[in-house]
Each structure stands twice: as structure tokens, then as C-alpha cells.
Protein backbone atom coordinates (compact mmCIF):
# COMPACT_ATOMS: atom_id res chain seq x y z
CA MET A 1 21.44 -0.65 -19.79
CA LYS A 2 19.19 1.25 -22.18
CA ASN A 3 17.11 -1.85 -23.01
CA LYS A 4 16.68 -2.90 -19.40
CA LYS A 5 13.55 -2.22 -17.39
CA ILE A 6 14.39 0.32 -14.73
CA CYS A 7 12.86 1.12 -11.36
CA ILE A 8 14.12 4.11 -9.42
CA THR A 9 12.88 3.98 -5.85
CA PHE A 10 13.58 5.38 -2.40
CA ALA A 11 14.38 4.49 1.16
CA GLY A 12 13.66 7.11 3.77
CA ALA A 13 11.21 8.45 6.27
CA VAL A 14 7.88 10.01 5.40
CA GLY A 15 8.39 13.58 4.21
CA SER A 16 12.08 13.19 3.41
CA SER A 17 11.73 14.57 -0.16
CA LYS A 18 10.89 11.52 -2.26
CA THR A 19 8.17 13.28 -4.26
CA PRO A 20 10.17 16.38 -5.28
CA ILE A 21 13.03 14.13 -6.42
CA SER A 22 10.59 11.81 -8.22
CA ASN A 23 8.98 14.68 -10.10
CA TYR A 24 12.32 16.09 -11.21
CA LEU A 25 13.64 12.69 -12.31
CA SER A 26 10.40 11.95 -14.14
CA THR A 27 10.77 15.11 -16.20
CA LYS A 28 14.49 14.73 -16.88
CA LEU A 29 14.50 10.97 -17.55
CA ASN A 30 11.06 10.75 -19.17
CA LEU A 31 9.83 8.07 -16.77
CA PRO A 32 6.33 7.74 -15.30
CA ILE A 33 5.85 7.93 -11.53
CA PHE A 34 4.05 5.37 -9.43
CA ASN A 35 2.95 7.47 -6.45
CA ASN A 36 1.79 5.79 -3.26
CA ASP A 37 0.43 9.05 -1.80
CA ALA A 38 -1.78 9.64 -4.84
CA ILE A 39 -3.42 6.25 -4.26
CA ARG A 40 -3.79 7.10 -0.56
CA SER A 41 -5.58 10.35 -1.51
CA GLU A 42 -7.77 8.51 -3.99
CA VAL A 43 -8.91 6.05 -1.30
CA ILE A 44 -9.71 8.89 1.11
CA GLU A 45 -11.63 10.78 -1.58
CA ASP A 46 -13.58 7.68 -2.66
CA LEU A 47 -14.41 6.38 0.83
CA GLU A 48 -14.27 9.67 2.77
CA ILE A 49 -11.93 7.91 5.20
CA PHE A 50 -8.57 6.19 4.92
CA ASP A 51 -8.90 2.40 4.68
CA SER A 52 -5.46 0.76 4.80
CA GLU A 53 -6.69 -2.53 3.33
CA GLU A 54 -8.25 -0.78 0.35
CA HIS A 55 -5.11 1.30 -0.09
CA LEU A 56 -2.89 -1.80 -0.15
CA LYS A 57 -5.26 -3.55 -2.54
CA ARG A 58 -5.23 -0.66 -5.02
CA ARG A 59 -1.52 0.03 -4.62
CA ASN A 60 -0.53 -3.59 -5.18
CA ALA A 61 -2.83 -3.98 -8.19
CA ARG A 62 -1.46 -0.86 -9.87
CA LEU A 63 2.11 -1.83 -9.16
CA GLU A 64 1.52 -5.32 -10.56
CA GLU A 65 0.07 -3.77 -13.72
CA ILE A 66 3.12 -1.55 -14.24
CA ILE A 67 5.50 -4.45 -13.69
CA LYS A 68 3.45 -6.80 -15.89
CA ASN A 69 3.47 -4.25 -18.71
CA LYS A 70 7.26 -4.00 -18.39
CA HIS A 71 7.37 -0.22 -18.00
CA SER A 72 10.40 1.48 -16.58
CA PHE A 73 9.23 3.79 -13.81
CA ILE A 74 9.94 5.80 -10.72
CA CYS A 75 8.44 4.26 -7.61
CA ASP A 76 7.65 7.18 -5.29
CA VAL A 77 7.35 5.12 -2.12
CA SER A 78 9.64 4.30 0.75
CA ILE A 79 10.77 0.70 0.53
CA ASP A 80 12.20 0.67 4.06
CA ARG A 81 9.78 -1.95 5.41
CA GLU A 82 8.96 -3.71 2.14
CA TRP A 83 12.23 -4.00 0.26
CA GLU A 84 12.65 -7.76 0.46
CA GLU A 85 9.23 -8.45 -1.09
CA PHE A 86 9.49 -5.59 -3.59
CA ARG A 87 12.98 -6.66 -4.66
CA LYS A 88 11.72 -10.20 -5.37
CA LYS A 89 8.98 -8.79 -7.65
CA LEU A 90 11.44 -6.63 -9.52
CA ILE A 91 14.08 -9.33 -9.95
CA SER A 92 11.55 -11.91 -11.13
CA SER A 93 10.37 -9.40 -13.76
CA ASN A 94 13.93 -8.59 -14.91
CA TYR A 95 14.10 -5.06 -13.54
CA ILE A 96 17.22 -3.31 -12.44
CA CYS A 97 16.76 -1.03 -9.49
CA PHE A 98 18.33 2.24 -8.44
CA ILE A 99 17.72 3.10 -4.78
CA ILE A 100 18.08 6.61 -3.46
CA SER A 101 18.35 6.56 0.32
CA LEU A 102 17.42 9.73 2.19
CA ASP A 103 19.51 9.42 5.35
CA LEU A 104 18.33 12.51 7.20
CA SER A 105 18.90 13.40 10.82
CA LYS A 106 16.12 13.75 13.34
CA MET A 107 16.85 17.47 13.48
CA LEU A 108 16.38 17.98 9.73
CA LEU A 109 13.31 15.72 9.59
CA THR A 110 11.78 17.67 12.47
CA LYS A 111 12.32 20.93 10.57
CA LEU A 112 10.80 19.45 7.42
CA TYR A 113 7.78 18.08 9.28
CA GLN A 114 7.16 21.40 10.97
CA ALA A 115 7.47 23.30 7.68
CA LYS A 116 5.14 20.84 5.90
CA GLN A 117 2.81 20.63 8.90
CA TYR A 118 3.27 16.85 9.07
CA PHE A 119 2.31 16.82 12.73
CA GLU A 120 1.25 13.16 12.73
CA SER A 121 4.62 12.13 11.31
CA LEU A 122 6.34 14.31 13.89
CA GLU A 123 4.66 12.24 16.62
CA HIS A 124 6.15 9.06 15.07
CA ILE A 125 9.53 10.44 14.03
CA ASN A 126 11.55 8.00 16.16
CA GLU A 127 9.74 5.00 14.64
CA LEU A 128 10.26 6.35 11.12
CA ILE A 129 13.95 6.89 11.74
CA GLN A 130 14.25 3.41 13.26
CA ASP A 131 12.54 1.83 10.22
CA HIS A 132 15.07 3.52 7.97
CA ASP A 133 18.01 2.54 10.18
CA ASN A 134 16.78 -1.08 10.15
CA PHE A 135 16.64 -0.97 6.35
CA LEU A 136 20.16 0.44 6.12
CA ASN A 137 21.54 -2.14 8.56
CA LYS A 138 20.16 -4.97 6.45
CA TYR A 139 20.24 -3.66 2.86
CA SER A 140 22.86 -0.92 2.67
CA ASP A 141 24.64 -2.76 -0.14
CA ASP A 142 21.51 -2.41 -2.32
CA VAL A 143 21.54 1.39 -2.09
CA ASN A 144 22.98 3.29 -5.06
CA LEU A 145 22.91 6.80 -3.61
CA HIS A 146 22.81 8.21 -0.09
CA ILE A 147 21.51 11.74 0.47
CA THR A 148 22.40 13.19 3.87
CA ASP A 149 21.75 16.48 5.67
CA LYS A 150 24.94 17.83 4.09
CA ASP A 151 23.65 17.03 0.55
CA PHE A 152 20.00 17.82 1.14
CA ILE A 153 19.94 21.28 -0.43
CA ASN A 154 21.31 19.76 -3.69
CA ARG A 155 19.38 16.46 -3.44
CA ILE A 156 17.48 16.88 -6.71
CA HIS A 157 20.50 17.51 -8.90
CA ILE A 158 22.64 14.95 -7.08
CA SER A 159 19.92 12.33 -7.62
CA TYR A 160 19.56 13.17 -11.29
CA ASN A 161 23.31 13.11 -11.96
CA ALA A 162 23.75 9.79 -10.13
CA ALA A 163 20.77 8.14 -11.88
CA LYS A 164 21.85 9.45 -15.28
CA LYS A 165 25.39 8.17 -14.73
CA TYR A 166 24.13 4.78 -13.52
CA PHE A 167 21.88 4.29 -16.52
């Protein structure tokens, strides 16, 4: 699979540890990161307010550029609500995909949100969990690795070892 275009991406609620895993994998596998939150911050900095339409416009343009240039990459976003569309883009561009699903309990997510001061996400925790459950009910067969509460403390190394073995 060394000559294939690779996309490592995630399914999971906001704040479930996608970025720490992405950063570790990027360093170990020498892959660039496409980071949705960095584009979100850029929009807020440029406009002094978050504009979801502008965010989607910039995010989609940057993602199209990466895919068009045929770069392997780590996609630091949650694909829970967008997997069907995203998968079509990847398949049509001859990518193989490795999905890491962060299947965390409400109790652990609550602790993480409190520690990170993600108070807005805490208010929507049930919706975020439901989005992830919906994804798993429909696309569980597409997932390559599941990280649970039991694995969470070792999530970074487990993710690296699984991705390395897969590729």
C-alpha cells in the first residue's frame, strides 16, 4: 500500500482527542494534517466572528486542493455527519482510508469537556453522542480502529500501531 494515497481520519464527538492523535501520527508517519479547527480559528480571526458559510467554503476548498494534488494526509475532523459525501470524494480520487473511531462514554466525554473547558460542547453532549452513534450504526464496517474508555489512556500509541500495521 506504500504507493497508495492515504487518508487517516476520525469519527467521534468534539473534544474526543482527534487532534492529539493527529499530531502524533503526523510526526511518526510523516503525513501533513488537514485541521478543521485551524480553519475555524482563521475565519474567526479574519472576520472577528465565526461565519459557518465562510468556514465551509474555506474548508472545502482546502480539502479539494489536497485531494487534487494527490497528497496522503491526516484529516483532523470528525466525519460522523459527513462520511458518505467525504467517502465519495476519497474513492473517486483513489484514496484508501483509515478511520479511527473514538467511542467514548458520556462520563468520559463530560470529564474531558470539563478539563478542556468546552462548556458549549458540554451543553450539546447528548447530540454529539447521538451523531456518533448514528455514524456507527450505519458505517461501523468502514471503521478500522475503535478507541473506547478502556483504551483511552493509550489511544495515541494504539492508533499509531494500528495505522502502521494497516499501511
